[in-house]
Amino acid sequence: MALGAVVEQDGVKSPVKVVVFRKGSTVGYVSAVPEGRVGEGFAVLSAVVDAQLAKLG
């Protein structure tokens, strides 16, 4: 499952993207936040998600 949200910390709002995955009873997630200017495109890298899924076997 993938989702996007806007979080606020100390009055500053920032977008975040999260991928949540499950295998058996194990649940994991990978998140991404933009570097630099907000508004530029950013994503959770598929290579990172694939590596984490591979660790689950």
N, C-alpha and C. Protein backbone atom coordinates (compact mmCIF):
# COMPACT_ATOMS: atom_id res chain seq x y z
N MET A 1 0.85 -1.15 0.00
CA MET A 1 0.00 0.00 0.00
C MET A 1 0.90 1.23 0.00
N ALA A 2 0.55 2.20 -0.78
CA ALA A 2 1.31 3.45 -0.82
C ALA A 2 0.36 4.60 -0.50
N LEU A 3 0.90 5.61 0.18
CA LEU A 3 0.08 6.77 0.49
C LEU A 3 0.95 8.01 0.60
N GLY A 4 0.32 9.13 0.50
CA GLY A 4 0.98 10.42 0.65
C GLY A 4 0.24 11.22 1.70
N ALA A 5 0.96 12.07 2.38
CA ALA A 5 0.35 12.90 3.42
C ALA A 5 1.16 14.18 3.57
N VAL A 6 0.61 15.10 4.31
CA VAL A 6 1.32 16.32 4.68
C VAL A 6 1.43 16.31 6.19
N VAL A 7 2.65 16.41 6.68
CA VAL A 7 2.87 16.42 8.13
C VAL A 7 3.32 17.81 8.54
N GLU A 8 3.07 18.13 9.79
CA GLU A 8 3.45 19.44 10.31
C GLU A 8 4.30 19.26 11.55
N GLN A 9 5.43 19.95 11.58
CA GLN A 9 6.28 19.95 12.76
C GLN A 9 6.76 21.37 13.01
N ASP A 10 6.54 21.85 14.19
CA ASP A 10 6.92 23.22 14.57
C ASP A 10 6.36 24.25 13.60
N GLY A 11 5.14 24.01 13.12
CA GLY A 11 4.47 24.95 12.23
C GLY A 11 4.88 24.86 10.78
N VAL A 12 5.79 23.95 10.45
CA VAL A 12 6.24 23.79 9.07
C VAL A 12 5.61 22.53 8.48
N LYS A 13 4.90 22.70 7.36
CA LYS A 13 4.24 21.57 6.70
C LYS A 13 5.13 21.02 5.60
N SER A 14 5.22 19.69 5.54
CA SER A 14 6.03 19.02 4.52
C SER A 14 5.29 17.79 4.01
N PRO A 15 5.40 17.51 2.71
CA PRO A 15 4.80 16.29 2.19
C PRO A 15 5.66 15.08 2.54
N VAL A 16 5.04 13.93 2.63
CA VAL A 16 5.75 12.67 2.86
C VAL A 16 5.04 11.58 2.06
N LYS A 17 5.80 10.63 1.55
CA LYS A 17 5.24 9.48 0.86
C LYS A 17 5.71 8.23 1.57
N VAL A 18 4.81 7.25 1.71
CA VAL A 18 5.11 6.04 2.45
C VAL A 18 4.62 4.83 1.67
N VAL A 19 5.42 3.77 1.67
CA VAL A 19 5.01 2.47 1.14
C VAL A 19 5.01 1.50 2.32
N VAL A 20 3.88 0.83 2.54
CA VAL A 20 3.74 -0.13 3.62
C VAL A 20 3.59 -1.51 2.99
N PHE A 21 4.31 -2.49 3.54
CA PHE A 21 4.22 -3.84 2.99
C PHE A 21 4.17 -4.86 4.12
N ARG A 22 3.66 -6.05 3.79
CA ARG A 22 3.51 -7.09 4.79
C ARG A 22 3.83 -8.43 4.16
N LYS A 23 4.52 -9.28 4.90
CA LYS A 23 4.72 -10.67 4.51
C LYS A 23 4.52 -11.49 5.77
N GLY A 24 3.49 -12.33 5.75
CA GLY A 24 3.15 -13.08 6.96
C GLY A 24 2.75 -12.12 8.06
N SER A 25 3.38 -12.26 9.22
CA SER A 25 3.04 -11.39 10.34
C SER A 25 3.99 -10.19 10.45
N THR A 26 4.91 -10.04 9.49
CA THR A 26 5.86 -8.94 9.52
C THR A 26 5.36 -7.77 8.68
N VAL A 27 5.34 -6.59 9.26
CA VAL A 27 4.92 -5.38 8.56
C VAL A 27 6.12 -4.44 8.52
N GLY A 28 6.34 -3.83 7.37
CA GLY A 28 7.42 -2.87 7.22
C GLY A 28 6.96 -1.66 6.45
N TYR A 29 7.77 -0.62 6.47
CA TYR A 29 7.44 0.57 5.69
C TYR A 29 8.72 1.28 5.27
N VAL A 30 8.62 2.01 4.19
CA VAL A 30 9.69 2.87 3.70
C VAL A 30 9.06 4.22 3.41
N SER A 31 9.70 5.29 3.86
CA SER A 31 9.14 6.62 3.63
C SER A 31 10.12 7.50 2.88
N ALA A 32 9.59 8.55 2.29
CA ALA A 32 10.42 9.52 1.57
C ALA A 32 9.89 10.92 1.86
N VAL A 33 10.82 11.83 2.04
CA VAL A 33 10.50 13.25 2.18
C VAL A 33 11.36 14.01 1.18
N PRO A 34 10.88 15.12 0.68
CA PRO A 34 11.65 15.85 -0.33
C PRO A 34 12.88 16.52 0.27
N GLU A 35 13.94 16.55 -0.51
CA GLU A 35 15.13 17.32 -0.14
C GLU A 35 15.05 18.67 -0.83
N GLY A 36 15.55 19.68 -0.18
CA GLY A 36 15.56 20.98 -0.84
C GLY A 36 14.19 21.60 -0.87
N ARG A 37 13.85 22.14 -2.03
CA ARG A 37 12.60 22.87 -2.18
C ARG A 37 11.40 21.94 -2.17
N VAL A 38 10.42 22.25 -1.36
CA VAL A 38 9.16 21.52 -1.37
C VAL A 38 8.44 21.84 -2.67
N GLY A 39 7.81 20.86 -3.25
CA GLY A 39 7.12 21.07 -4.50
C GLY A 39 7.82 20.38 -5.66
N GLU A 40 9.11 20.09 -5.49
CA GLU A 40 9.80 19.32 -6.52
C GLU A 40 9.36 17.87 -6.37
N GLY A 41 9.39 17.15 -7.48
CA GLY A 41 8.96 15.76 -7.44
C GLY A 41 9.88 14.90 -6.58
N PHE A 42 9.31 13.97 -5.87
CA PHE A 42 10.07 13.02 -5.08
C PHE A 42 9.25 11.74 -4.97
N ALA A 43 9.91 10.64 -4.68
CA ALA A 43 9.22 9.36 -4.61
C ALA A 43 9.98 8.40 -3.71
N VAL A 44 9.29 7.38 -3.27
CA VAL A 44 9.94 6.26 -2.60
C VAL A 44 10.59 5.45 -3.71
N LEU A 45 11.90 5.22 -3.62
CA LEU A 45 12.61 4.50 -4.67
C LEU A 45 12.21 3.03 -4.69
N SER A 46 11.85 2.54 -5.88
CA SER A 46 11.43 1.14 -6.00
C SER A 46 12.58 0.20 -5.64
N ALA A 47 13.82 0.59 -5.89
CA ALA A 47 14.96 -0.26 -5.54
C ALA A 47 15.04 -0.47 -4.02
N VAL A 48 14.71 0.56 -3.25
CA VAL A 48 14.72 0.45 -1.79
C VAL A 48 13.62 -0.50 -1.33
N VAL A 49 12.43 -0.34 -1.89
CA VAL A 49 11.31 -1.22 -1.54
C VAL A 49 11.65 -2.66 -1.91
N ASP A 50 12.17 -2.88 -3.12
CA ASP A 50 12.54 -4.23 -3.56
C ASP A 50 13.57 -4.86 -2.63
N ALA A 51 14.56 -4.08 -2.20
CA ALA A 51 15.59 -4.60 -1.28
C ALA A 51 14.99 -5.01 0.06
N GLN A 52 14.07 -4.21 0.56
CA GLN A 52 13.43 -4.54 1.84
C GLN A 52 12.55 -5.78 1.71
N LEU A 53 11.84 -5.89 0.60
CA LEU A 53 11.01 -7.09 0.38
C LEU A 53 11.89 -8.33 0.25
N ALA A 54 13.03 -8.21 -0.39
CA ALA A 54 13.95 -9.35 -0.53
C ALA A 54 14.46 -9.81 0.83
N LYS A 55 14.65 -8.89 1.75
CA LYS A 55 15.10 -9.25 3.10
C LYS A 55 14.06 -10.08 3.83
N LEU A 56 12.79 -9.87 3.48
CA LEU A 56 11.72 -10.64 4.12
C LEU A 56 11.65 -12.06 3.58
N GLY A 57 12.30 -12.28 2.44
CA GLY A 57 12.36 -13.63 1.85
C GLY A 57 11.17 -13.93 1.08
